[in-house]
Amino acid sequence: MAKNAPYPRHVSEAAIQNDPDSGHFLTPVPSPVPGGRTNHGSLDIRIDPDGVWHYQGSPINRKEMVCLFASVLVRDSVGNYWMVTPSEMGQIQVDDAPFIAVEMFVAGEGRAQTVSFRTNVDEIVTVDSDHPITVAIDPATGEPSPYVSVRSGIQARLSRAVYYDLAALAVSEAVADTHDLGIWSDGSFFRLGSMDDDG
């Protein structure tokens, strides 16, 4: 269920020095260049569609470790995901979006409202022009998959419960010859769908 601000503080993105082996997207960042870093190539780390991190096939259950790894995650210009520290780097597998939006916060109302999300790694992102909401439609099922941009090239998929909370805020706006359903945040309108039969 949505909560009002203030929000919890996000996890620091301070760089770490230890070896990571221990233990639909917008504006991708440039490909990471070693620049003195040790490139470990492909690491045996995977983020599944539910946002669960796995190491050598087993889930990583320590949230502190997951948050630490998440803080050094970047995405390159061809869509690959890397964990990059000042001294080392390695590529990991991401099945869908690396993060899940698990909680929603609303401040204000109407066109003056601000919508924010907390991710499963405790980052807070406010929906605005730099952090838009996008909705992908599964061509086979027609089911929507909503995402919010967290940082350069990296998105969080909204959990089903959070998407229901968001949909409850939806209003209709006339756009050209259609009537779109969406939400207002930080002075901008973000489309979730259409009231017209053709979507």
N, C-alpha and C. Protein backbone atom coordinates (compact mmCIF):
# COMPACT_ATOMS: atom_id res chain seq x y z
N MET A 1 0.84 -1.19 0.00
CA MET A 1 0.00 0.00 0.00
C MET A 1 0.88 1.25 0.00
N ALA A 2 0.43 2.28 -0.72
CA ALA A 2 1.21 3.51 -0.81
C ALA A 2 1.31 4.19 0.54
N LYS A 3 2.44 4.84 0.77
CA LYS A 3 2.66 5.58 2.00
C LYS A 3 3.02 7.02 1.66
N ASN A 4 2.81 7.89 2.62
CA ASN A 4 3.17 9.28 2.43
C ASN A 4 4.63 9.51 2.77
N ALA A 5 5.23 10.55 2.15
CA ALA A 5 6.59 10.93 2.49
C ALA A 5 6.60 11.38 3.96
N PRO A 6 7.72 11.44 4.71
CA PRO A 6 9.07 11.27 4.20
C PRO A 6 9.44 9.82 3.89
N TYR A 7 10.48 9.68 3.09
CA TYR A 7 10.89 8.36 2.64
C TYR A 7 12.12 7.89 3.43
N PRO A 8 12.35 6.58 3.46
CA PRO A 8 13.61 6.10 4.04
C PRO A 8 14.78 6.52 3.18
N ARG A 9 15.95 6.62 3.75
CA ARG A 9 17.13 7.03 2.99
C ARG A 9 17.59 5.89 2.11
N HIS A 10 18.10 6.24 0.92
CA HIS A 10 18.57 5.20 0.01
C HIS A 10 19.95 4.71 0.44
N VAL A 11 20.30 3.54 -0.08
CA VAL A 11 21.59 2.95 0.25
C VAL A 11 22.70 3.73 -0.46
N SER A 12 23.79 3.97 0.22
CA SER A 12 24.92 4.69 -0.37
C SER A 12 25.49 3.94 -1.55
N GLU A 13 25.96 4.68 -2.56
CA GLU A 13 26.60 4.08 -3.71
C GLU A 13 28.12 4.20 -3.62
N ALA A 14 28.63 4.28 -2.42
CA ALA A 14 30.08 4.39 -2.25
C ALA A 14 30.77 3.18 -2.87
N ALA A 15 31.87 3.42 -3.53
CA ALA A 15 32.59 2.33 -4.19
C ALA A 15 33.20 1.41 -3.15
N ILE A 16 33.37 0.15 -3.55
CA ILE A 16 33.98 -0.83 -2.65
C ILE A 16 35.27 -1.32 -3.27
N GLN A 17 36.15 -1.84 -2.44
CA GLN A 17 37.46 -2.29 -2.91
C GLN A 17 37.55 -3.80 -3.04
N ASN A 18 36.64 -4.56 -2.41
CA ASN A 18 36.78 -6.01 -2.39
C ASN A 18 36.39 -6.62 -3.73
N ASP A 19 36.87 -7.81 -3.99
CA ASP A 19 36.59 -8.55 -5.22
C ASP A 19 35.14 -8.97 -5.25
N PRO A 20 34.37 -8.62 -6.31
CA PRO A 20 32.98 -9.06 -6.39
C PRO A 20 32.84 -10.58 -6.37
N ASP A 21 33.92 -11.31 -6.77
CA ASP A 21 33.83 -12.77 -6.75
C ASP A 21 33.72 -13.31 -5.35
N SER A 22 33.99 -12.51 -4.36
CA SER A 22 33.88 -12.97 -2.97
C SER A 22 32.44 -12.92 -2.55
N GLY A 23 32.19 -13.33 -2.46
CA GLY A 23 30.90 -13.47 -1.90
C GLY A 23 29.94 -14.19 -2.93
N HIS A 24 14.03 -3.04 -22.76
CA HIS A 24 13.36 -1.91 -22.53
C HIS A 24 14.04 -0.77 -21.84
N PHE A 25 15.41 -0.29 -21.95
CA PHE A 25 16.05 0.59 -21.00
C PHE A 25 16.49 1.89 -21.63
N LEU A 26 16.68 2.89 -20.76
CA LEU A 26 16.90 4.24 -21.26
C LEU A 26 18.32 4.72 -21.01
N THR A 27 18.87 5.47 -21.94
CA THR A 27 20.13 6.16 -21.82
C THR A 27 21.22 5.31 -21.16
N PRO A 28 21.63 4.23 -21.84
CA PRO A 28 22.67 3.40 -21.26
C PRO A 28 23.98 4.16 -21.12
N VAL A 29 24.74 3.82 -20.11
CA VAL A 29 26.02 4.48 -19.89
C VAL A 29 27.04 3.90 -20.85
N PRO A 30 28.17 4.60 -21.09
CA PRO A 30 29.20 4.07 -21.98
C PRO A 30 29.74 2.74 -21.46
N SER A 31 30.25 1.92 -22.39
CA SER A 31 30.82 0.64 -21.99
C SER A 31 31.94 0.88 -20.99
N PRO A 32 31.95 0.12 -19.90
CA PRO A 32 33.02 0.32 -18.92
C PRO A 32 34.37 -0.03 -19.51
N VAL A 33 35.35 0.80 -19.28
CA VAL A 33 36.70 0.57 -19.77
C VAL A 33 37.57 0.24 -18.56
N PRO A 34 38.37 -0.83 -18.65
CA PRO A 34 39.16 -1.24 -17.48
C PRO A 34 39.93 -0.10 -16.84
N GLY A 35 40.70 0.69 -17.62
CA GLY A 35 41.39 1.85 -17.05
C GLY A 35 42.17 1.51 -15.80
N GLY A 36 42.91 0.41 -15.82
CA GLY A 36 43.66 -0.01 -14.65
C GLY A 36 42.94 -1.03 -13.81
N ARG A 37 41.64 -1.26 -14.09
CA ARG A 37 40.89 -2.27 -13.35
C ARG A 37 41.24 -3.67 -13.87
N THR A 38 41.10 -4.64 -13.00
CA THR A 38 41.20 -6.04 -13.42
C THR A 38 39.85 -6.48 -13.94
N ASN A 39 39.80 -6.93 -15.20
CA ASN A 39 38.54 -7.38 -15.80
C ASN A 39 38.43 -8.89 -15.60
N HIS A 40 37.46 -9.31 -14.79
CA HIS A 40 37.27 -10.72 -14.50
C HIS A 40 36.39 -11.41 -15.54
N GLY A 41 35.95 -10.67 -16.57
CA GLY A 41 35.09 -11.28 -17.58
C GLY A 41 33.72 -11.59 -17.01
N SER A 42 33.19 -12.74 -17.38
CA SER A 42 31.85 -13.12 -16.93
C SER A 42 31.91 -13.74 -15.53
N LEU A 43 31.17 -13.13 -14.60
CA LEU A 43 31.08 -13.66 -13.24
C LEU A 43 29.88 -14.60 -13.14
N ASP A 44 29.94 -15.55 -12.24
CA ASP A 44 28.83 -16.49 -12.07
C ASP A 44 27.80 -15.89 -11.13
N ILE A 45 27.29 -14.72 -11.52
CA ILE A 45 26.26 -14.01 -10.75
C ILE A 45 25.09 -13.73 -11.69
N ARG A 46 23.88 -13.99 -11.22
CA ARG A 46 22.68 -13.82 -12.04
C ARG A 46 21.59 -13.17 -11.19
N ILE A 47 20.83 -12.25 -11.81
CA ILE A 47 19.64 -11.68 -11.18
C ILE A 47 18.43 -12.23 -11.91
N ASP A 48 17.58 -12.97 -11.19
CA ASP A 48 16.44 -13.61 -11.84
C ASP A 48 15.29 -12.62 -12.04
N PRO A 49 14.21 -13.03 -12.73
CA PRO A 49 13.12 -12.09 -13.02
C PRO A 49 12.45 -11.50 -11.78
N ASP A 50 12.60 -12.14 -10.63
CA ASP A 50 12.02 -11.62 -9.39
C ASP A 50 12.98 -10.71 -8.64
N GLY A 51 14.13 -10.39 -9.24
CA GLY A 51 15.09 -9.52 -8.59
C GLY A 51 15.97 -10.21 -7.57
N VAL A 52 15.95 -11.55 -7.54
CA VAL A 52 16.78 -12.32 -6.60
C VAL A 52 18.16 -12.52 -7.21
N TRP A 53 19.19 -12.21 -6.44
CA TRP A 53 20.57 -12.39 -6.88
C TRP A 53 21.03 -13.81 -6.56
N HIS A 54 21.74 -14.42 -7.51
CA HIS A 54 22.27 -15.77 -7.34
C HIS A 54 23.77 -15.76 -7.60
N TYR A 55 24.50 -16.52 -6.78
CA TYR A 55 25.93 -16.73 -6.98
C TYR A 55 26.19 -18.22 -7.10
N GLN A 56 26.77 -18.62 -8.23
CA GLN A 56 27.02 -20.03 -8.52
C GLN A 56 25.75 -20.87 -8.36
N GLY A 57 24.62 -20.31 -8.80
CA GLY A 57 23.36 -21.04 -8.80
C GLY A 57 22.56 -20.98 -7.52
N SER A 58 23.12 -20.41 -6.46
CA SER A 58 22.42 -20.34 -5.17
C SER A 58 22.05 -18.89 -4.86
N PRO A 59 20.85 -18.66 -4.31
CA PRO A 59 20.44 -17.29 -3.99
C PRO A 59 21.33 -16.68 -2.91
N ILE A 60 21.61 -15.39 -3.06
CA ILE A 60 22.35 -14.65 -2.04
C ILE A 60 21.33 -14.14 -1.04
N ASN A 61 21.37 -14.65 0.17
CA ASN A 61 20.34 -14.34 1.16
C ASN A 61 20.66 -13.13 2.03
N ARG A 62 21.91 -12.69 2.02
CA ARG A 62 22.30 -11.54 2.84
C ARG A 62 21.95 -10.25 2.09
N LYS A 63 20.97 -9.53 2.60
CA LYS A 63 20.54 -8.30 1.92
C LYS A 63 21.66 -7.28 1.86
N GLU A 64 22.49 -7.22 2.90
CA GLU A 64 23.59 -6.26 2.91
C GLU A 64 24.52 -6.50 1.73
N MET A 65 24.78 -7.78 1.43
CA MET A 65 25.65 -8.12 0.31
C MET A 65 25.00 -7.76 -1.02
N VAL A 66 23.70 -8.03 -1.14
CA VAL A 66 22.97 -7.69 -2.36
C VAL A 66 22.99 -6.18 -2.58
N CYS A 67 22.74 -5.41 -1.53
CA CYS A 67 22.75 -3.95 -1.65
C CYS A 67 24.13 -3.44 -2.04
N LEU A 68 25.17 -4.07 -1.50
CA LEU A 68 26.53 -3.69 -1.83
C LEU A 68 26.81 -3.94 -3.30
N PHE A 69 26.45 -5.12 -3.78
CA PHE A 69 26.64 -5.44 -5.19
C PHE A 69 25.83 -4.50 -6.08
N ALA A 70 24.58 -4.23 -5.68
CA ALA A 70 23.70 -3.38 -6.48
C ALA A 70 24.26 -1.96 -6.61
N SER A 71 24.97 -1.50 -5.59
CA SER A 71 25.48 -0.13 -5.60
C SER A 71 26.58 0.08 -6.64
N VAL A 72 27.19 -0.99 -7.15
CA VAL A 72 28.25 -0.86 -8.15
C VAL A 72 27.82 -1.43 -9.50
N LEU A 73 26.51 -1.62 -9.68
CA LEU A 73 25.99 -2.17 -10.93
C LEU A 73 25.84 -1.07 -11.97
N VAL A 74 26.35 -1.32 -13.17
CA VAL A 74 26.17 -0.39 -14.29
C VAL A 74 25.74 -1.20 -15.51
N ARG A 75 25.23 -0.48 -16.52
CA ARG A 75 24.80 -1.11 -17.76
C ARG A 75 25.48 -0.39 -18.92
N ASP A 76 26.06 -1.16 -19.84
CA ASP A 76 26.82 -0.52 -20.92
C ASP A 76 25.93 -0.22 -22.12
N SER A 77 26.52 0.33 -23.17
CA SER A 77 25.77 0.83 -24.31
C SER A 77 25.15 -0.26 -25.17
N VAL A 78 25.57 -1.51 -24.98
CA VAL A 78 24.96 -2.61 -25.74
C VAL A 78 24.06 -3.47 -24.87
N GLY A 79 23.82 -3.04 -23.64
CA GLY A 79 22.86 -3.72 -22.78
C GLY A 79 23.43 -4.70 -21.79
N ASN A 80 24.75 -4.83 -21.72
CA ASN A 80 25.35 -5.75 -20.76
C ASN A 80 25.45 -5.09 -19.38
N TYR A 81 25.35 -5.92 -18.35
CA TYR A 81 25.43 -5.45 -16.96
C TYR A 81 26.79 -5.82 -16.37
N TRP A 82 27.37 -4.86 -15.66
CA TRP A 82 28.68 -5.04 -15.05
C TRP A 82 28.65 -4.59 -13.60
N MET A 83 29.45 -5.27 -12.78
CA MET A 83 29.77 -4.77 -11.45
C MET A 83 31.15 -4.15 -11.55
N VAL A 84 31.23 -2.86 -11.22
CA VAL A 84 32.47 -2.11 -11.44
C VAL A 84 32.88 -1.42 -10.14
N THR A 85 34.07 -1.74 -9.66
CA THR A 85 34.66 -1.07 -8.49
C THR A 85 35.88 -0.29 -8.97
N PRO A 86 36.50 0.51 -8.13
CA PRO A 86 37.69 1.25 -8.58
C PRO A 86 38.81 0.36 -9.08
N SER A 87 38.86 -0.90 -8.64
CA SER A 87 39.99 -1.75 -9.03
C SER A 87 39.60 -2.96 -9.87
N GLU A 88 38.31 -3.32 -9.90
CA GLU A 88 37.91 -4.55 -10.60
C GLU A 88 36.57 -4.38 -11.29
N MET A 89 36.29 -5.30 -12.24
CA MET A 89 35.02 -5.28 -12.94
C MET A 89 34.71 -6.68 -13.44
N GLY A 90 33.42 -6.98 -13.58
CA GLY A 90 33.01 -8.28 -14.12
C GLY A 90 31.57 -8.19 -14.60
N GLN A 91 31.27 -8.97 -15.63
CA GLN A 91 29.93 -8.95 -16.23
C GLN A 91 29.03 -9.97 -15.54
N ILE A 92 27.75 -9.60 -15.33
CA ILE A 92 26.79 -10.52 -14.73
C ILE A 92 25.57 -10.66 -15.63
N GLN A 93 24.75 -11.67 -15.36
CA GLN A 93 23.54 -11.93 -16.14
C GLN A 93 22.33 -11.34 -15.43
N VAL A 94 21.49 -10.63 -16.17
CA VAL A 94 20.23 -10.08 -15.64
C VAL A 94 19.11 -10.56 -16.54
N ASP A 95 18.15 -11.31 -15.98
CA ASP A 95 17.09 -11.90 -16.79
C ASP A 95 16.06 -10.88 -17.26
N ASP A 96 15.75 -9.89 -16.43
CA ASP A 96 14.78 -8.86 -16.80
C ASP A 96 15.33 -7.53 -16.31
N ALA A 97 14.64 -6.86 -15.42
CA ALA A 97 15.20 -5.67 -14.78
C ALA A 97 15.95 -6.12 -13.52
N PRO A 98 17.06 -5.46 -13.17
CA PRO A 98 17.82 -5.90 -12.01
C PRO A 98 17.15 -5.63 -10.68
N PHE A 99 16.24 -4.66 -10.64
CA PHE A 99 15.60 -4.28 -9.38
C PHE A 99 14.09 -4.41 -9.48
N ILE A 100 13.44 -4.51 -8.31
CA ILE A 100 11.99 -4.56 -8.21
C ILE A 100 11.53 -3.40 -7.33
N ALA A 101 10.53 -2.65 -7.78
CA ALA A 101 9.93 -1.61 -6.94
C ALA A 101 8.93 -2.28 -6.02
N VAL A 102 9.18 -2.20 -4.71
CA VAL A 102 8.39 -2.96 -3.75
C VAL A 102 7.49 -2.10 -2.87
N GLU A 103 7.64 -0.78 -2.96
CA GLU A 103 6.83 0.11 -2.12
C GLU A 103 6.68 1.45 -2.83
N MET A 104 5.51 2.06 -2.67
CA MET A 104 5.24 3.34 -3.32
C MET A 104 4.91 4.40 -2.28
N PHE A 105 5.37 5.63 -2.54
CA PHE A 105 5.09 6.77 -1.67
C PHE A 105 4.46 7.87 -2.52
N VAL A 106 3.49 8.56 -1.97
CA VAL A 106 2.82 9.64 -2.67
C VAL A 106 2.81 10.88 -1.79
N ALA A 107 3.23 12.00 -2.36
CA ALA A 107 3.16 13.29 -1.68
C ALA A 107 2.34 14.24 -2.54
N GLY A 108 1.42 14.97 -1.93
CA GLY A 108 0.59 15.89 -2.69
C GLY A 108 -0.53 15.15 -3.40
N GLU A 109 -1.21 15.86 -4.31
CA GLU A 109 -2.30 15.25 -5.05
C GLU A 109 -2.49 15.94 -6.38
N GLY A 110 -3.25 15.29 -7.26
CA GLY A 110 -3.51 15.85 -8.58
C GLY A 110 -2.23 16.07 -9.37
N ARG A 111 -2.21 17.15 -10.14
CA ARG A 111 -1.03 17.45 -10.95
C ARG A 111 0.17 17.87 -10.12
N ALA A 112 -0.06 18.18 -8.86
CA ALA A 112 1.03 18.59 -7.97
C ALA A 112 1.64 17.42 -7.21
N GLN A 113 1.13 16.21 -7.42
CA GLN A 113 1.62 15.09 -6.63
C GLN A 113 2.99 14.63 -7.11
N THR A 114 3.70 13.96 -6.20
CA THR A 114 4.98 13.35 -6.50
C THR A 114 4.91 11.89 -6.09
N VAL A 115 5.30 11.01 -7.00
CA VAL A 115 5.27 9.57 -6.75
C VAL A 115 6.70 9.06 -6.67
N SER A 116 7.00 8.30 -5.64
CA SER A 116 8.32 7.71 -5.47
C SER A 116 8.18 6.23 -5.16
N PHE A 117 9.25 5.49 -5.44
CA PHE A 117 9.27 4.05 -5.18
C PHE A 117 10.51 3.69 -4.37
N ARG A 118 10.37 2.67 -3.54
CA ARG A 118 11.52 2.03 -2.89
C ARG A 118 11.76 0.70 -3.57
N THR A 119 13.00 0.44 -3.94
CA THR A 119 13.32 -0.82 -4.59
C THR A 119 13.68 -1.89 -3.57
N ASN A 120 13.86 -3.09 -4.05
CA ASN A 120 14.22 -4.20 -3.18
C ASN A 120 15.64 -4.08 -2.63
N VAL A 121 16.42 -3.12 -3.15
CA VAL A 121 17.74 -2.86 -2.57
C VAL A 121 17.75 -1.51 -1.86
N ASP A 122 16.55 -1.04 -1.49
CA ASP A 122 16.37 0.15 -0.66
C ASP A 122 16.84 1.45 -1.30
N GLU A 123 16.85 1.51 -2.62
CA GLU A 123 17.05 2.78 -3.30
C GLU A 123 15.70 3.45 -3.46
N ILE A 124 15.68 4.77 -3.34
CA ILE A 124 14.46 5.55 -3.54
C ILE A 124 14.58 6.30 -4.86
N VAL A 125 13.56 6.18 -5.70
CA VAL A 125 13.54 6.89 -6.97
C VAL A 125 12.22 7.63 -7.09
N THR A 126 12.30 8.90 -7.45
CA THR A 126 11.11 9.73 -7.66
C THR A 126 10.82 9.81 -9.14
N VAL A 127 9.59 9.56 -9.52
CA VAL A 127 9.20 9.60 -10.92
C VAL A 127 9.25 11.04 -11.41
N ASP A 128 10.08 11.27 -12.44
CA ASP A 128 10.19 12.60 -13.04
C ASP A 128 10.71 12.42 -14.46
N SER A 129 11.07 13.51 -15.12
CA SER A 129 11.50 13.41 -16.51
C SER A 129 12.78 12.61 -16.67
N ASP A 130 13.61 12.55 -15.64
CA ASP A 130 14.83 11.75 -15.69
C ASP A 130 14.62 10.32 -15.22
N HIS A 131 13.50 10.07 -14.57
CA HIS A 131 13.19 8.74 -14.04
C HIS A 131 11.74 8.39 -14.41
N PRO A 132 11.50 8.21 -15.72
CA PRO A 132 10.13 7.99 -16.18
C PRO A 132 9.62 6.58 -15.91
N ILE A 133 8.31 6.45 -15.96
CA ILE A 133 7.66 5.14 -15.95
C ILE A 133 7.41 4.74 -17.40
N THR A 134 7.71 3.50 -17.74
CA THR A 134 7.38 2.95 -19.05
C THR A 134 6.64 1.64 -18.84
N VAL A 135 5.80 1.29 -19.80
CA VAL A 135 5.03 0.06 -19.71
C VAL A 135 5.26 -0.77 -20.97
N ALA A 136 5.78 -1.98 -20.79
CA ALA A 136 5.96 -2.91 -21.90
C ALA A 136 4.80 -3.90 -21.90
N ILE A 137 4.29 -4.22 -23.08
CA ILE A 137 3.18 -5.16 -23.21
C ILE A 137 3.68 -6.47 -23.77
N ASP A 138 3.39 -7.56 -23.08
CA ASP A 138 3.76 -8.89 -23.56
C ASP A 138 2.93 -9.19 -24.81
N PRO A 139 3.57 -9.40 -25.97
CA PRO A 139 2.80 -9.63 -27.20
C PRO A 139 1.99 -10.92 -27.18
N ALA A 140 2.41 -11.87 -26.36
CA ALA A 140 1.69 -13.15 -26.31
C ALA A 140 0.47 -13.09 -25.41
N THR A 141 0.61 -12.42 -24.26
CA THR A 141 -0.48 -12.41 -23.28
C THR A 141 -1.22 -11.08 -23.19
N GLY A 142 -0.59 -10.02 -23.70
CA GLY A 142 -1.20 -8.70 -23.58
C GLY A 142 -1.05 -8.10 -22.20
N GLU A 143 -0.32 -8.78 -21.31
CA GLU A 143 -0.14 -8.30 -19.94
C GLU A 143 0.89 -7.17 -19.89
N PRO A 144 0.61 -6.13 -19.11
CA PRO A 144 1.58 -5.03 -18.99
C PRO A 144 2.68 -5.34 -17.99
N SER A 145 3.87 -4.85 -18.28
CA SER A 145 4.98 -4.91 -17.34
C SER A 145 5.51 -3.49 -17.16
N PRO A 146 5.21 -2.86 -16.03
CA PRO A 146 5.63 -1.47 -15.80
C PRO A 146 7.03 -1.39 -15.20
N TYR A 147 7.79 -0.39 -15.63
CA TYR A 147 9.16 -0.18 -15.16
C TYR A 147 9.35 1.29 -14.81
N VAL A 148 10.30 1.54 -13.92
CA VAL A 148 10.71 2.91 -13.64
C VAL A 148 12.23 2.97 -13.78
N SER A 149 12.72 4.03 -14.39
CA SER A 149 14.15 4.20 -14.55
C SER A 149 14.76 4.62 -13.22
N VAL A 150 15.75 3.86 -12.76
CA VAL A 150 16.39 4.12 -11.46
C VAL A 150 17.62 5.01 -11.63
N ARG A 151 18.51 4.59 -12.51
CA ARG A 151 19.68 5.39 -12.85
C ARG A 151 20.10 5.00 -14.25
N SER A 152 21.12 5.63 -14.79
CA SER A 152 21.47 5.50 -16.20
C SER A 152 21.43 4.06 -16.70
N GLY A 153 20.46 3.78 -17.56
CA GLY A 153 20.37 2.48 -18.19
C GLY A 153 19.80 1.38 -17.34
N ILE A 154 19.48 1.64 -16.08
CA ILE A 154 19.03 0.60 -15.16
C ILE A 154 17.60 0.89 -14.71
N GLN A 155 16.75 -0.14 -14.77
CA GLN A 155 15.36 0.02 -14.39
C GLN A 155 14.97 -0.93 -13.26
N ALA A 156 13.85 -0.60 -12.64
CA ALA A 156 13.19 -1.48 -11.67
C ALA A 156 11.81 -1.82 -12.23
N ARG A 157 11.45 -3.08 -12.16
CA ARG A 157 10.08 -3.46 -12.53
C ARG A 157 9.18 -3.33 -11.32
N LEU A 158 8.01 -2.76 -11.50
CA LEU A 158 7.07 -2.61 -10.40
C LEU A 158 6.48 -3.97 -10.03
N SER A 159 6.47 -4.29 -8.74
CA SER A 159 5.80 -5.52 -8.31
C SER A 159 4.31 -5.39 -8.61
N ARG A 160 3.62 -6.51 -8.65
CA ARG A 160 2.20 -6.48 -8.98
C ARG A 160 1.42 -5.61 -7.98
N ALA A 161 1.74 -5.76 -6.69
CA ALA A 161 1.03 -4.99 -5.66
C ALA A 161 1.28 -3.49 -5.84
N VAL A 162 2.52 -3.12 -6.14
CA VAL A 162 2.84 -1.71 -6.33
C VAL A 162 2.17 -1.17 -7.59
N TYR A 163 2.11 -2.00 -8.64
CA TYR A 163 1.43 -1.56 -9.86
C TYR A 163 -0.05 -1.31 -9.60
N TYR A 164 -0.68 -2.14 -8.77
CA TYR A 164 -2.09 -1.90 -8.42
C TYR A 164 -2.23 -0.59 -7.66
N ASP A 165 -1.30 -0.31 -6.75
CA ASP A 165 -1.32 0.97 -6.03
C ASP A 165 -1.19 2.14 -7.01
N LEU A 166 -0.28 1.98 -7.98
CA LEU A 166 -0.07 3.03 -8.96
C LEU A 166 -1.31 3.23 -9.83
N ALA A 167 -1.91 2.11 -10.26
CA ALA A 167 -3.08 2.19 -11.13
C ALA A 167 -4.24 2.91 -10.44
N ALA A 168 -4.29 2.81 -9.11
CA ALA A 168 -5.35 3.49 -8.36
C ALA A 168 -5.23 5.01 -8.45
N LEU A 169 -4.04 5.50 -8.81
CA LEU A 169 -3.82 6.94 -8.95
C LEU A 169 -4.11 7.43 -10.37
N ALA A 170 -4.36 6.51 -11.29
CA ALA A 170 -4.46 6.86 -12.71
C ALA A 170 -5.63 7.80 -12.98
N VAL A 171 -5.38 8.75 -13.87
CA VAL A 171 -6.41 9.68 -14.33
C VAL A 171 -6.38 9.69 -15.85
N SER A 172 -7.45 10.18 -16.44
CA SER A 172 -7.54 10.26 -17.90
C SER A 172 -7.11 11.64 -18.37
N GLU A 173 -6.28 11.64 -19.42
CA GLU A 173 -5.85 12.89 -20.03
C GLU A 173 -6.03 12.77 -21.55
N ALA A 174 -6.56 13.81 -22.17
CA ALA A 174 -6.72 13.82 -23.63
C ALA A 174 -5.37 14.12 -24.26
N VAL A 175 -4.90 13.20 -25.11
CA VAL A 175 -3.64 13.37 -25.82
C VAL A 175 -3.92 13.15 -27.30
N ALA A 176 -3.78 14.21 -28.10
CA ALA A 176 -4.13 14.15 -29.52
C ALA A 176 -5.58 13.67 -29.63
N ASP A 177 -5.79 12.55 -30.33
CA ASP A 177 -7.15 12.04 -30.52
C ASP A 177 -7.48 10.88 -29.59
N THR A 178 -6.66 10.67 -28.57
CA THR A 178 -6.88 9.55 -27.66
C THR A 178 -7.07 10.06 -26.24
N HIS A 179 -7.55 9.17 -25.39
CA HIS A 179 -7.66 9.46 -23.96
C HIS A 179 -6.76 8.47 -23.23
N ASP A 180 -5.65 8.99 -22.75
CA ASP A 180 -4.67 8.15 -22.08
C ASP A 180 -4.92 8.09 -20.59
N LEU A 181 -4.61 6.92 -20.01
CA LEU A 181 -4.62 6.76 -18.57
C LEU A 181 -3.18 6.84 -18.08
N GLY A 182 -2.97 7.59 -17.03
CA GLY A 182 -1.62 7.71 -16.51
C GLY A 182 -1.61 8.41 -15.17
N ILE A 183 -0.42 8.73 -14.72
CA ILE A 183 -0.28 9.40 -13.42
C ILE A 183 0.57 10.65 -13.58
N TRP A 184 0.33 11.60 -12.68
CA TRP A 184 1.13 12.81 -12.61
C TRP A 184 2.19 12.66 -11.52
N SER A 185 3.39 13.12 -11.83
CA SER A 185 4.45 13.16 -10.83
C SER A 185 5.45 14.23 -11.22
N ASP A 186 5.81 15.07 -10.28
CA ASP A 186 6.80 16.11 -10.49
C ASP A 186 6.45 16.99 -11.69
N GLY A 187 5.17 17.25 -11.88
CA GLY A 187 4.72 18.14 -12.94
C GLY A 187 4.62 17.54 -14.32
N SER A 188 4.85 16.23 -14.46
CA SER A 188 4.76 15.57 -15.76
C SER A 188 3.74 14.44 -15.71
N PHE A 189 3.16 14.14 -16.88
CA PHE A 189 2.18 13.06 -17.00
C PHE A 189 2.87 11.84 -17.60
N PHE A 190 2.67 10.68 -16.97
CA PHE A 190 3.29 9.44 -17.42
C PHE A 190 2.21 8.44 -17.80
N ARG A 191 2.21 8.05 -19.05
CA ARG A 191 1.17 7.19 -19.60
C ARG A 191 1.31 5.75 -19.11
N LEU A 192 0.19 5.18 -18.68
CA LEU A 192 0.14 3.77 -18.30
C LEU A 192 -0.61 2.94 -19.33
N GLY A 193 -1.55 3.56 -20.03
CA GLY A 193 -2.36 2.84 -21.01
C GLY A 193 -3.34 3.79 -21.67
N SER A 194 -4.31 3.22 -22.38
CA SER A 194 -5.29 4.02 -23.10
C SER A 194 -6.69 3.56 -22.77
N MET A 195 -7.62 4.49 -22.78
CA MET A 195 -9.02 4.15 -22.61
C MET A 195 -9.64 3.70 -23.93
N ASP A 196 -8.94 3.91 -25.03
CA ASP A 196 -9.46 3.53 -26.33
C ASP A 196 -9.26 2.04 -26.58
N ASP A 197 -10.10 1.50 -27.41
CA ASP A 197 -10.07 0.06 -27.67
C ASP A 197 -8.75 -0.41 -28.24
N ASP A 198 -8.09 0.45 -29.03
CA ASP A 198 -6.85 0.02 -29.68
C ASP A 198 -5.64 0.17 -28.78
N GLY A 199 -5.82 0.64 -27.46
CA GLY A 199 -4.72 0.76 -26.50
C GLY A 199 -3.76 1.83 -26.85
